[in-house]
Amino acid sequence: MPFFLVMVGVYNQKYLKLTCLFFAVSVLLTDLMAVHQLLTNTIFLWGLRVLGFSNSPTFFATHMLMAIPVLWWCAHKNYFSCREKIFFLFVLLLSLLMLIASQTRGAWISFVVTSIIYAICCKNMRKKIAIGLSALFLFVGAISVAYPSIQDRIDSITDMQYTSNSERVLMWKAAIEITKDHPLAGIGSDEFGYVYNTQYISPLAKERPKTDDPRSGHGHPHNNILKRFSEGGVIGGSIFILFNLYILYRLIKQYKRREDGNDYSYAFMGILIFTALHVEGLTDTNFTNVPIMREFWLLLGLAWIGDSVEKDKNEVQV
């Protein structure tokens, strides 16, 4: 519904601007909630990992990954006023800081990968991105002195003895085994948690159900593709991959039709959002989170229609 609402309702620059501004306000609100959590340290379960209005820091970080390209794009659109551009840049900077404060390693990696893809595709942005990433690394290094937990999270990225990493590997292996045992149609939608915790959980696994209910343990394999193949078999997994490849194909096709010199094509913004979501989805299952999907489809609709709206300041055929 968010996708089709944007496709139908955003048909001129006025509504395009309003949609972007309201989106930025919504991002600011969840950022401010995260700042409050950071300053008051009210998230006892997660320590200093902020989560905004989300149910976990990981999913909060995914929202930031999707928001940052939109805010960057809007700050460079000439139909926004100078004050509006400053507002977008302020929210972007705050979102970037909260992305760091979420301490979500997969999101950090995804942000760097997405930035590199941006630099590869836009030659005139390479120097700026290199400077920006260098400054970001220096900043993270500096604050890690004050917050050792951030340094611990960075060090753990390549540490396969780290529990979170080793547990993910065990779940990935289990998902592959489930797919081998149920190759055609899988075990059924949202059944991974029960089947994994009752039949496929490794003896080496340390993170187990805390109660007699198997579903109190891990409910997904922390990988979008493995979840689809284990629960949907070759049929469900292949459809998931083909569906997403089609989305990427349409965005790339639209981007290639952009006007010369338009480095801020909405289609390319959509490509970066798509990439950020799926790169992080290699280490976590974010495609099953409803709020994330609502935002993803809303922004995808914006990416799909934004370039056409820019061409016609009055109206565009949907």
C-alpha atoms as a PDB file:
ATOM      1  CA  MET A   1       0.000   0.000   0.000  1.00  0.00           C
ATOM      2  CA  PRO A   2       2.732   2.589   0.732  1.00  0.00           C
ATOM      3  CA  PHE A   3       4.189   1.904  -2.731  1.00  0.00           C
ATOM      4  CA  PHE A   4       0.878   2.410  -4.560  1.00  0.00           C
ATOM      5  CA  LEU A   5      -0.148   5.398  -2.437  1.00  0.00           C
ATOM      6  CA  VAL A   6       3.026   7.221  -3.470  1.00  0.00           C
ATOM      7  CA  MET A   7       2.657   6.166  -7.102  1.00  0.00           C
ATOM      8  CA  VAL A   8      -0.907   7.475  -7.235  1.00  0.00           C
ATOM      9  CA  GLY A   9      -0.746  10.447  -4.857  1.00  0.00           C
ATOM     10  CA  VAL A  10       2.595  12.071  -5.726  1.00  0.00           C
ATOM     11  CA  TYR A  11       1.961  13.530  -9.178  1.00  0.00           C
ATOM     12  CA  ASN A  12       3.588  16.972  -9.003  1.00  0.00           C
ATOM     13  CA  GLN A  13       6.526  18.668  -7.329  1.00  0.00           C
ATOM     14  CA  LYS A  14       4.393  20.105  -4.552  1.00  0.00           C
ATOM     15  CA  TYR A  15       3.412  16.666  -3.292  1.00  0.00           C
ATOM     16  CA  LEU A  16       6.895  15.333  -3.942  1.00  0.00           C
ATOM     17  CA  LYS A  17       8.339  18.050  -1.700  1.00  0.00           C
ATOM     18  CA  LEU A  18       5.717  17.519   1.001  1.00  0.00           C
ATOM     19  CA  THR A  19       6.329  13.771   1.032  1.00  0.00           C
ATOM     20  CA  CYS A  20      10.073  14.267   1.409  1.00  0.00           C
ATOM     21  CA  LEU A  21       9.650  16.885   4.148  1.00  0.00           C
ATOM     22  CA  PHE A  22       7.196  14.772   6.150  1.00  0.00           C
ATOM     23  CA  PHE A  23       9.514  11.802   5.775  1.00  0.00           C
ATOM     24  CA  ALA A  24      12.430  13.860   7.097  1.00  0.00           C
ATOM     25  CA  VAL A  25      10.320  14.948  10.086  1.00  0.00           C
ATOM     26  CA  SER A  26       9.489  11.314  10.858  1.00  0.00           C
ATOM     27  CA  VAL A  27      13.191  10.427  10.732  1.00  0.00           C
ATOM     28  CA  LEU A  28      13.994  13.356  13.027  1.00  0.00           C
ATOM     29  CA  LEU A  29      11.463  12.154  15.603  1.00  0.00           C
ATOM     30  CA  THR A  30      12.918   8.663  15.834  1.00  0.00           C
ATOM     31  CA  ASP A  31      16.436  10.155  15.890  1.00  0.00           C
ATOM     32  CA  LEU A  32      15.486  12.369  18.835  1.00  0.00           C
ATOM     33  CA  MET A  33      14.099   9.343  20.652  1.00  0.00           C
ATOM     34  CA  ALA A  34      17.417   7.585  20.052  1.00  0.00           C
ATOM     35  CA  VAL A  35      19.331  10.616  21.351  1.00  0.00           C
ATOM     36  CA  HIS A  36      17.180  10.544  24.494  1.00  0.00           C
ATOM     37  CA  GLN A  37      17.971   6.857  24.976  1.00  0.00           C
ATOM     38  CA  LEU A  38      21.663   7.503  24.502  1.00  0.00           C
ATOM     39  CA  LEU A  39      21.806  10.402  26.964  1.00  0.00           C
ATOM     40  CA  THR A  40      19.682   8.752  29.634  1.00  0.00           C
ATOM     41  CA  ASN A  41      20.896   5.171  29.051  1.00  0.00           C
ATOM     42  CA  THR A  42      17.328   3.879  29.414  1.00  0.00           C
ATOM     43  CA  ILE A  43      17.794   0.827  27.200  1.00  0.00           C
ATOM     44  CA  PHE A  44      18.923  -1.605  29.844  1.00  0.00           C
ATOM     45  CA  LEU A  45      18.483  -4.691  27.677  1.00  0.00           C
ATOM     46  CA  TRP A  46      20.710  -3.352  24.896  1.00  0.00           C
ATOM     47  CA  GLY A  47      23.166  -1.330  26.967  1.00  0.00           C
ATOM     48  CA  LEU A  48      24.176   1.795  25.053  1.00  0.00           C
ATOM     49  CA  ARG A  49      22.744   0.550  21.743  1.00  0.00           C
ATOM     50  CA  VAL A  50      19.954   2.944  20.743  1.00  0.00           C
ATOM     51  CA  LEU A  51      16.809   1.713  18.987  1.00  0.00           C
ATOM     52  CA  GLY A  52      14.567   4.779  18.540  1.00  0.00           C
ATOM     53  CA  PHE A  53      10.980   3.621  18.153  1.00  0.00           C
ATOM     54  CA  SER A  54      12.020   0.212  16.791  1.00  0.00           C
ATOM     55  CA  ASN A  55      11.988  -3.042  18.747  1.00  0.00           C
ATOM     56  CA  SER A  56      15.732  -3.613  18.314  1.00  0.00           C
ATOM     57  CA  PRO A  57      18.871  -1.602  17.449  1.00  0.00           C
ATOM     58  CA  THR A  58      19.345  -3.752  14.339  1.00  0.00           C
ATOM     59  CA  PHE A  59      16.027  -2.741  12.791  1.00  0.00           C
ATOM     60  CA  PHE A  60      16.514   0.886  13.867  1.00  0.00           C
ATOM     61  CA  ALA A  61      19.811   0.860  11.967  1.00  0.00           C
ATOM     62  CA  THR A  62      18.028  -0.445   8.868  1.00  0.00           C
ATOM     63  CA  HIS A  63      15.677   2.545   8.991  1.00  0.00           C
ATOM     64  CA  MET A  64      18.700   4.858   9.146  1.00  0.00           C
ATOM     65  CA  LEU A  65      20.298   3.095   6.175  1.00  0.00           C
ATOM     66  CA  MET A  66      17.207   3.817   4.079  1.00  0.00           C
ATOM     67  CA  ALA A  67      16.750   7.371   5.333  1.00  0.00           C
ATOM     68  CA  ILE A  68      20.293   8.647   4.732  1.00  0.00           C
ATOM     69  CA  PRO A  69      20.214   8.431   0.878  1.00  0.00           C
ATOM     70  CA  VAL A  70      16.828  10.194   0.802  1.00  0.00           C
ATOM     71  CA  LEU A  71      18.030  13.021   3.031  1.00  0.00           C
ATOM     72  CA  TRP A  72      21.231  13.393   0.979  1.00  0.00           C
ATOM     73  CA  TRP A  73      19.240  13.511  -2.265  1.00  0.00           C
ATOM     74  CA  CYS A  74      16.742  16.096  -0.989  1.00  0.00           C
ATOM     75  CA  ALA A  75      19.563  18.327   0.250  1.00  0.00           C
ATOM     76  CA  HIS A  76      20.758  18.593  -3.371  1.00  0.00           C
ATOM     77  CA  LYS A  77      17.433  19.224  -5.103  1.00  0.00           C
ATOM     78  CA  ASN A  78      17.093  22.780  -6.397  1.00  0.00           C
ATOM     79  CA  TYR A  79      13.345  22.981  -5.699  1.00  0.00           C
ATOM     80  CA  PHE A  80      13.962  22.914  -1.938  1.00  0.00           C
ATOM     81  CA  SER A  81      14.753  26.204  -0.207  1.00  0.00           C
ATOM     82  CA  CYS A  82      18.073  26.863   1.515  1.00  0.00           C
ATOM     83  CA  ARG A  83      16.454  26.384   4.940  1.00  0.00           C
ATOM     84  CA  GLU A  84      14.921  23.091   3.865  1.00  0.00           C
ATOM     85  CA  LYS A  85      18.262  21.844   2.564  1.00  0.00           C
ATOM     86  CA  ILE A  86      19.926  22.731   5.873  1.00  0.00           C
ATOM     87  CA  PHE A  87      17.151  20.847   7.669  1.00  0.00           C
ATOM     88  CA  PHE A  88      17.758  17.761   5.511  1.00  0.00           C
ATOM     89  CA  LEU A  89      21.514  17.910   6.154  1.00  0.00           C
ATOM     90  CA  PHE A  90      20.959  18.309   9.898  1.00  0.00           C
ATOM     91  CA  VAL A  91      18.678  15.264  10.047  1.00  0.00           C
ATOM     92  CA  LEU A  92      21.151  13.341   7.862  1.00  0.00           C
ATOM     93  CA  LEU A  93      24.041  14.089  10.220  1.00  0.00           C
ATOM     94  CA  LEU A  94      21.940  13.114  13.232  1.00  0.00           C
ATOM     95  CA  SER A  95      20.838   9.901  11.488  1.00  0.00           C
ATOM     96  CA  LEU A  96      24.450   9.024  10.707  1.00  0.00           C
ATOM     97  CA  LEU A  97      25.423   9.539  14.347  1.00  0.00           C
ATOM     98  CA  MET A  98      22.496   7.380  15.503  1.00  0.00           C
ATOM     99  CA  LEU A  99      23.473   4.716  12.982  1.00  0.00           C
ATOM    100  CA  ILE A 100      26.847   4.580  14.724  1.00  0.00           C
ATOM    101  CA  ALA A 101      25.160   4.610  18.148  1.00  0.00           C
ATOM    102  CA  SER A 102      22.998   1.624  17.173  1.00  0.00           C
ATOM    103  CA  GLN A 103      26.239  -0.403  17.166  1.00  0.00           C
ATOM    104  CA  THR A 104      24.801  -2.626  14.426  1.00  0.00           C
ATOM    105  CA  ARG A 105      27.787  -4.122  12.646  1.00  0.00           C
ATOM    106  CA  GLY A 106      25.897  -5.338   9.593  1.00  0.00           C
ATOM    107  CA  ALA A 107      24.476  -1.846   9.061  1.00  0.00           C
ATOM    108  CA  TRP A 108      27.936  -0.303   9.372  1.00  0.00           C
ATOM    109  CA  ILE A 109      29.262  -2.644   6.687  1.00  0.00           C
ATOM    110  CA  SER A 110      26.225  -1.970   4.508  1.00  0.00           C
ATOM    111  CA  PHE A 111      26.734   1.799   4.772  1.00  0.00           C
ATOM    112  CA  VAL A 112      30.369   1.516   3.667  1.00  0.00           C
ATOM    113  CA  VAL A 113      29.494  -0.834   0.778  1.00  0.00           C
ATOM    114  CA  THR A 114      26.682   1.462  -0.371  1.00  0.00           C
ATOM    115  CA  SER A 115      29.004   4.485  -0.225  1.00  0.00           C
ATOM    116  CA  ILE A 116      31.579   2.666  -2.354  1.00  0.00           C
ATOM    117  CA  ILE A 117      28.914   1.777  -4.946  1.00  0.00           C
ATOM    118  CA  TYR A 118      27.872   5.429  -4.980  1.00  0.00           C
ATOM    119  CA  ALA A 119      31.482   6.485  -5.585  1.00  0.00           C
ATOM    120  CA  ILE A 120      31.963   3.939  -8.376  1.00  0.00           C
ATOM    121  CA  CYS A 121      28.846   5.059 -10.248  1.00  0.00           C
ATOM    122  CA  CYS A 122      29.329   8.823  -9.764  1.00  0.00           C
ATOM    123  CA  LYS A 123      32.842   9.910 -10.691  1.00  0.00           C
ATOM    124  CA  ASN A 124      32.418  13.467  -9.441  1.00  0.00           C
ATOM    125  CA  MET A 125      31.468  12.175  -5.967  1.00  0.00           C
ATOM    126  CA  ARG A 126      34.502   9.935  -5.439  1.00  0.00           C
ATOM    127  CA  LYS A 127      36.678  12.560  -3.775  1.00  0.00           C
ATOM    128  CA  LYS A 128      33.856  13.751  -1.509  1.00  0.00           C
ATOM    129  CA  ILE A 129      32.940  10.203  -0.484  1.00  0.00           C
ATOM    130  CA  ALA A 130      36.582   9.304   0.188  1.00  0.00           C
ATOM    131  CA  ILE A 131      36.957  12.385   2.394  1.00  0.00           C
ATOM    132  CA  GLY A 132      33.636  11.707   4.090  1.00  0.00           C
ATOM    133  CA  LEU A 133      34.411   8.063   4.863  1.00  0.00           C
ATOM    134  CA  SER A 134      37.883   8.980   6.118  1.00  0.00           C
ATOM    135  CA  ALA A 135      36.414  11.608   8.431  1.00  0.00           C
ATOM    136  CA  LEU A 136      33.798   9.114   9.589  1.00  0.00           C
ATOM    137  CA  PHE A 137      36.408   6.464  10.394  1.00  0.00           C
ATOM    138  CA  LEU A 138      38.453   9.009  12.350  1.00  0.00           C
ATOM    139  CA  PHE A 139      35.350  10.104  14.240  1.00  0.00           C
ATOM    140  CA  VAL A 140      34.374   6.527  15.103  1.00  0.00           C
ATOM    141  CA  GLY A 141      37.941   5.868  16.232  1.00  0.00           C
ATOM    142  CA  ALA A 142      37.819   8.926  18.475  1.00  0.00           C
ATOM    143  CA  ILE A 143      34.493   8.141  20.131  1.00  0.00           C
ATOM    144  CA  SER A 144      35.487   4.497  20.616  1.00  0.00           C
ATOM    145  CA  VAL A 145      37.949   5.811  23.200  1.00  0.00           C
ATOM    146  CA  ALA A 146      35.056   7.235  25.213  1.00  0.00           C
ATOM    147  CA  TYR A 147      32.757   4.298  24.465  1.00  0.00           C
ATOM    148  CA  PRO A 148      34.815   1.064  24.537  1.00  0.00           C
ATOM    149  CA  SER A 149      31.696  -0.926  23.577  1.00  0.00           C
ATOM    150  CA  ILE A 150      31.930   0.562  20.072  1.00  0.00           C
ATOM    151  CA  GLN A 151      35.542  -0.583  19.745  1.00  0.00           C
ATOM    152  CA  ASP A 152      34.491  -4.032  20.978  1.00  0.00           C
ATOM    153  CA  ARG A 153      31.800  -4.154  18.288  1.00  0.00           C
ATOM    154  CA  ILE A 154      34.295  -3.169  15.608  1.00  0.00           C
ATOM    155  CA  ASP A 155      36.822  -5.779  16.767  1.00  0.00           C
ATOM    156  CA  SER A 156      34.120  -8.462  16.798  1.00  0.00           C
ATOM    157  CA  ILE A 157      33.282  -8.077  13.103  1.00  0.00           C
ATOM    158  CA  THR A 158      35.993 -10.525  12.040  1.00  0.00           C
ATOM    159  CA  ASP A 159      36.144 -12.526  15.282  1.00  0.00           C
ATOM    160  CA  MET A 160      34.561 -15.895  14.525  1.00  0.00           C
ATOM    161  CA  GLN A 161      34.819 -16.845  18.221  1.00  0.00           C
ATOM    162  CA  TYR A 162      32.443 -14.012  19.052  1.00  0.00           C
ATOM    163  CA  THR A 163      29.128 -15.611  20.039  1.00  0.00           C
ATOM    164  CA  SER A 164      26.938 -13.544  17.711  1.00  0.00           C
ATOM    165  CA  ASN A 165      29.130 -14.482  14.732  1.00  0.00           C
ATOM    166  CA  SER A 166      29.452 -18.175  15.539  1.00  0.00           C
ATOM    167  CA  GLU A 167      25.702 -18.491  16.211  1.00  0.00           C
ATOM    168  CA  ARG A 168      24.919 -16.942  12.838  1.00  0.00           C
ATOM    169  CA  VAL A 169      27.176 -19.448  11.081  1.00  0.00           C
ATOM    170  CA  LEU A 170      25.406 -22.312  12.863  1.00  0.00           C
ATOM    171  CA  MET A 171      22.015 -20.942  11.836  1.00  0.00           C
ATOM    172  CA  TRP A 172      23.140 -20.513   8.217  1.00  0.00           C
ATOM    173  CA  LYS A 173      24.323 -24.128   8.154  1.00  0.00           C
ATOM    174  CA  ALA A 174      21.011 -25.249   9.659  1.00  0.00           C
ATOM    175  CA  ALA A 175      19.053 -23.257   7.051  1.00  0.00           C
ATOM    176  CA  ILE A 176      21.025 -24.971   4.282  1.00  0.00           C
ATOM    177  CA  GLU A 177      20.314 -28.372   5.839  1.00  0.00           C
ATOM    178  CA  ILE A 178      16.616 -27.565   6.093  1.00  0.00           C
ATOM    179  CA  THR A 179      16.583 -26.573   2.415  1.00  0.00           C
ATOM    180  CA  LYS A 180      18.289 -29.845   1.468  1.00  0.00           C
ATOM    181  CA  ASP A 181      15.725 -31.845   3.454  1.00  0.00           C
ATOM    182  CA  HIS A 182      12.751 -29.858   2.119  1.00  0.00           C
ATOM    183  CA  PRO A 183      13.971 -28.755  -1.316  1.00  0.00           C
ATOM    184  CA  LEU A 184      10.757 -28.079  -3.218  1.00  0.00           C
ATOM    185  CA  ALA A 185       8.443 -26.029  -0.987  1.00  0.00           C
ATOM    186  CA  GLY A 186      10.405 -25.702   2.262  1.00  0.00           C
ATOM    187  CA  ILE A 187       8.971 -26.003   5.759  1.00  0.00           C
ATOM    188  CA  GLY A 188       6.373 -23.250   5.475  1.00  0.00           C
ATOM    189  CA  SER A 189       6.252 -19.521   6.100  1.00  0.00           C
ATOM    190  CA  ASP A 190       7.606 -18.361   9.460  1.00  0.00           C
ATOM    191  CA  GLU A 191       8.317 -21.929  10.607  1.00  0.00           C
ATOM    192  CA  PHE A 192      12.088 -21.614  10.816  1.00  0.00           C
ATOM    193  CA  GLY A 193      12.101 -20.782  14.534  1.00  0.00           C
ATOM    194  CA  TYR A 194      10.166 -23.893  15.558  1.00  0.00           C
ATOM    195  CA  VAL A 195      11.939 -26.309  13.220  1.00  0.00           C
ATOM    196  CA  TYR A 196      15.405 -24.941  13.955  1.00  0.00           C
ATOM    197  CA  ASN A 197      15.024 -25.009  17.747  1.00  0.00           C
ATOM    198  CA  THR A 198      13.461 -28.482  17.837  1.00  0.00           C
ATOM    199  CA  GLN A 199      15.316 -30.369  15.091  1.00  0.00           C
ATOM    200  CA  TYR A 200      18.274 -28.561  13.557  1.00  0.00           C
ATOM    201  CA  ILE A 201      19.893 -26.543  16.332  1.00  0.00           C
ATOM    202  CA  SER A 202      23.562 -27.492  16.664  1.00  0.00           C
ATOM    203  CA  PRO A 203      24.963 -29.002  19.876  1.00  0.00           C
ATOM    204  CA  LEU A 204      27.527 -26.189  19.663  1.00  0.00           C
ATOM    205  CA  ALA A 205      24.843 -23.492  19.814  1.00  0.00           C
ATOM    206  CA  LYS A 206      24.976 -21.367  22.963  1.00  0.00           C
ATOM    207  CA  GLU A 207      21.901 -19.248  22.233  1.00  0.00           C
ATOM    208  CA  ARG A 208      18.941 -21.546  22.880  1.00  0.00           C
ATOM    209  CA  PRO A 209      15.254 -21.087  23.774  1.00  0.00           C
ATOM    210  CA  LYS A 210      14.942 -19.588  27.248  1.00  0.00           C
ATOM    211  CA  THR A 211      11.679 -21.422  27.973  1.00  0.00           C
ATOM    212  CA  ASP A 212      10.004 -24.683  27.018  1.00  0.00           C
ATOM    213  CA  ASP A 213       8.538 -22.869  24.007  1.00  0.00           C
ATOM    214  CA  PRO A 214      10.844 -23.519  20.999  1.00  0.00           C
ATOM    215  CA  ARG A 215       9.768 -20.236  19.455  1.00  0.00           C
ATOM    216  CA  SER A 216      11.405 -18.295  22.276  1.00  0.00           C
ATOM    217  CA  GLY A 217      14.742 -19.008  20.590  1.00  0.00           C
ATOM    218  CA  HIS A 218      15.988 -17.607  17.285  1.00  0.00           C
ATOM    219  CA  GLY A 219      13.107 -17.282  14.845  1.00  0.00           C
ATOM    220  CA  HIS A 220      15.025 -16.667  11.624  1.00  0.00           C
ATOM    221  CA  PRO A 221      18.446 -17.570  10.166  1.00  0.00           C
ATOM    222  CA  HIS A 222      19.705 -13.959  10.077  1.00  0.00           C
ATOM    223  CA  ASN A 223      19.800 -13.983   6.292  1.00  0.00           C
ATOM    224  CA  ASN A 224      16.978 -12.960   3.935  1.00  0.00           C
ATOM    225  CA  ILE A 225      17.832 -15.447   1.195  1.00  0.00           C
ATOM    226  CA  LEU A 226      18.371 -18.438   3.492  1.00  0.00           C
ATOM    227  CA  LYS A 227      15.091 -17.708   5.238  1.00  0.00           C
ATOM    228  CA  ARG A 228      13.223 -17.753   1.929  1.00  0.00           C
ATOM    229  CA  PHE A 229      14.863 -20.970   0.750  1.00  0.00           C
ATOM    230  CA  SER A 230      14.461 -22.816   4.060  1.00  0.00           C
ATOM    231  CA  GLU A 231      10.815 -21.818   4.464  1.00  0.00           C
ATOM    232  CA  GLY A 232       9.815 -21.724   0.795  1.00  0.00           C
ATOM    233  CA  GLY A 233      12.177 -24.220  -0.820  1.00  0.00           C
ATOM    234  CA  VAL A 234      13.446 -23.711  -4.344  1.00  0.00           C
ATOM    235  CA  ILE A 235      10.044 -22.361  -5.369  1.00  0.00           C
ATOM    236  CA  GLY A 236       9.823 -19.658  -2.697  1.00  0.00           C
ATOM    237  CA  GLY A 237      13.526 -18.821  -2.698  1.00  0.00           C
ATOM    238  CA  SER A 238      13.725 -18.479  -6.476  1.00  0.00           C
ATOM    239  CA  ILE A 239      10.630 -16.289  -6.594  1.00  0.00           C
ATOM    240  CA  PHE A 240      12.086 -14.042  -3.895  1.00  0.00           C
ATOM    241  CA  ILE A 241      15.350 -13.636  -5.814  1.00  0.00           C
ATOM    242  CA  LEU A 242      13.665 -13.084  -9.184  1.00  0.00           C
ATOM    243  CA  PHE A 243      11.246 -10.565  -7.699  1.00  0.00           C
ATOM    244  CA  ASN A 244      14.083  -8.503  -6.228  1.00  0.00           C
ATOM    245  CA  LEU A 245      16.181  -8.788  -9.371  1.00  0.00           C
ATOM    246  CA  TYR A 246      13.226  -7.382 -11.321  1.00  0.00           C
ATOM    247  CA  ILE A 247      13.002  -4.415  -8.928  1.00  0.00           C
ATOM    248  CA  LEU A 248      16.729  -3.762  -9.359  1.00  0.00           C
ATOM    249  CA  TYR A 249      16.438  -4.129 -13.149  1.00  0.00           C
ATOM    250  CA  ARG A 250      13.638  -1.549 -13.305  1.00  0.00           C
ATOM    251  CA  LEU A 251      15.578   0.923 -11.163  1.00  0.00           C
ATOM    252  CA  ILE A 252      18.746   0.520 -13.248  1.00  0.00           C
ATOM    253  CA  LYS A 253      16.763   0.893 -16.482  1.00  0.00           C
ATOM    254  CA  GLN A 254      15.172   4.078 -15.169  1.00  0.00           C
ATOM    255  CA  TYR A 255      18.546   5.404 -14.017  1.00  0.00           C
ATOM    256  CA  LYS A 256      20.061   4.878 -17.466  1.00  0.00           C
ATOM    257  CA  ARG A 257      17.304   7.035 -18.975  1.00  0.00           C
ATOM    258  CA  ARG A 258      18.180   9.980 -16.707  1.00  0.00           C
ATOM    259  CA  GLU A 259      19.058  13.343 -18.146  1.00  0.00           C
ATOM    260  CA  ASP A 260      22.775  14.009 -18.614  1.00  0.00           C
ATOM    261  CA  GLY A 261      24.372  15.428 -15.512  1.00  0.00           C
ATOM    262  CA  ASN A 262      21.580  14.296 -13.195  1.00  0.00           C
ATOM    263  CA  ASP A 263      23.686  12.650 -10.504  1.00  0.00           C
ATOM    264  CA  TYR A 264      20.727  12.816  -8.127  1.00  0.00           C
ATOM    265  CA  SER A 265      18.299  10.660 -10.030  1.00  0.00           C
ATOM    266  CA  TYR A 266      15.629   9.228  -7.746  1.00  0.00           C
ATOM    267  CA  ALA A 267      16.158   5.883  -9.436  1.00  0.00           C
ATOM    268  CA  PHE A 268      19.754   5.814  -8.234  1.00  0.00           C
ATOM    269  CA  MET A 269      18.560   6.770  -4.758  1.00  0.00           C
ATOM    270  CA  GLY A 270      16.310   3.714  -4.954  1.00  0.00           C
ATOM    271  CA  ILE A 271      19.253   1.546  -6.041  1.00  0.00           C
ATOM    272  CA  LEU A 272      21.251   2.650  -2.982  1.00  0.00           C
ATOM    273  CA  ILE A 273      18.321   1.988  -0.644  1.00  0.00           C
ATOM    274  CA  PHE A 274      17.784  -1.413  -2.249  1.00  0.00           C
ATOM    275  CA  THR A 275      21.487  -2.240  -1.925  1.00  0.00           C
ATOM    276  CA  ALA A 276      21.745  -1.061   1.684  1.00  0.00           C
ATOM    277  CA  LEU A 277      18.765  -3.169   2.717  1.00  0.00           C
ATOM    278  CA  HIS A 278      20.009  -6.345   1.059  1.00  0.00           C
ATOM    279  CA  VAL A 279      23.646  -6.027   2.129  1.00  0.00           C
ATOM    280  CA  GLU A 280      22.524  -5.773   5.730  1.00  0.00           C
ATOM    281  CA  GLY A 281      20.095  -8.609   4.979  1.00  0.00           C
ATOM    282  CA  LEU A 282      23.061 -10.938   4.505  1.00  0.00           C
ATOM    283  CA  THR A 283      23.569 -10.975   8.282  1.00  0.00           C
ATOM    284  CA  ASP A 284      20.031 -10.306   9.476  1.00  0.00           C
ATOM    285  CA  THR A 285      16.495 -10.997   8.295  1.00  0.00           C
ATOM    286  CA  ASN A 286      15.133  -7.493   7.766  1.00  0.00           C
ATOM    287  CA  PHE A 287      12.652  -8.312   4.988  1.00  0.00           C
ATOM    288  CA  THR A 288      10.198  -9.778   7.518  1.00  0.00           C
ATOM    289  CA  ASN A 289       9.952  -6.641   9.656  1.00  0.00           C
ATOM    290  CA  VAL A 290       6.690  -4.830   8.878  1.00  0.00           C
ATOM    291  CA  PRO A 291       7.792  -1.232   9.713  1.00  0.00           C
ATOM    292  CA  ILE A 292      10.932  -1.689   7.606  1.00  0.00           C
ATOM    293  CA  MET A 293       8.889  -2.956   4.674  1.00  0.00           C
ATOM    294  CA  ARG A 294       6.437  -0.070   4.961  1.00  0.00           C
ATOM    295  CA  GLU A 295       9.293   2.400   4.715  1.00  0.00           C
ATOM    296  CA  PHE A 296      11.042   0.428   1.979  1.00  0.00           C
ATOM    297  CA  TRP A 297       7.976   0.310  -0.264  1.00  0.00           C
ATOM    298  CA  LEU A 298       7.142   3.964   0.349  1.00  0.00           C
ATOM    299  CA  LEU A 299      10.679   5.001  -0.634  1.00  0.00           C
ATOM    300  CA  LEU A 300      10.698   2.595  -3.565  1.00  0.00           C
ATOM    301  CA  GLY A 301       7.520   4.238  -4.853  1.00  0.00           C
ATOM    302  CA  LEU A 302       9.220   7.601  -4.454  1.00  0.00           C
ATOM    303  CA  ALA A 303      12.258   6.343  -6.382  1.00  0.00           C
ATOM    304  CA  TRP A 304      10.019   4.908  -9.093  1.00  0.00           C
ATOM    305  CA  ILE A 305       8.007   8.083  -9.676  1.00  0.00           C
ATOM    306  CA  GLY A 306      10.349  10.879  -8.535  1.00  0.00           C
ATOM    307  CA  ASP A 307      12.256  11.395 -11.793  1.00  0.00           C
ATOM    308  CA  SER A 308       9.045  11.641 -13.802  1.00  0.00           C
ATOM    309  CA  VAL A 309       7.584  14.178 -11.388  1.00  0.00           C
ATOM    310  CA  GLU A 310      10.721  16.317 -11.679  1.00  0.00           C
ATOM    311  CA  LYS A 311      10.391  16.446 -15.460  1.00  0.00           C
ATOM    312  CA  ASP A 312       6.821  17.742 -15.281  1.00  0.00           C
ATOM    313  CA  LYS A 313       6.314  20.355 -12.595  1.00  0.00           C
ATOM    314  CA  ASN A 314       2.537  20.144 -12.905  1.00  0.00           C
ATOM    315  CA  GLU A 315       1.498  16.561 -13.423  1.00  0.00           C
ATOM    316  CA  VAL A 316       2.715  13.176 -14.526  1.00  0.00           C
ATOM    317  CA  GLN A 317       0.855  10.136 -15.836  1.00  0.00           C
ATOM    318  CA  VAL A 318       1.081   7.174 -13.441  1.00  0.00           C
END
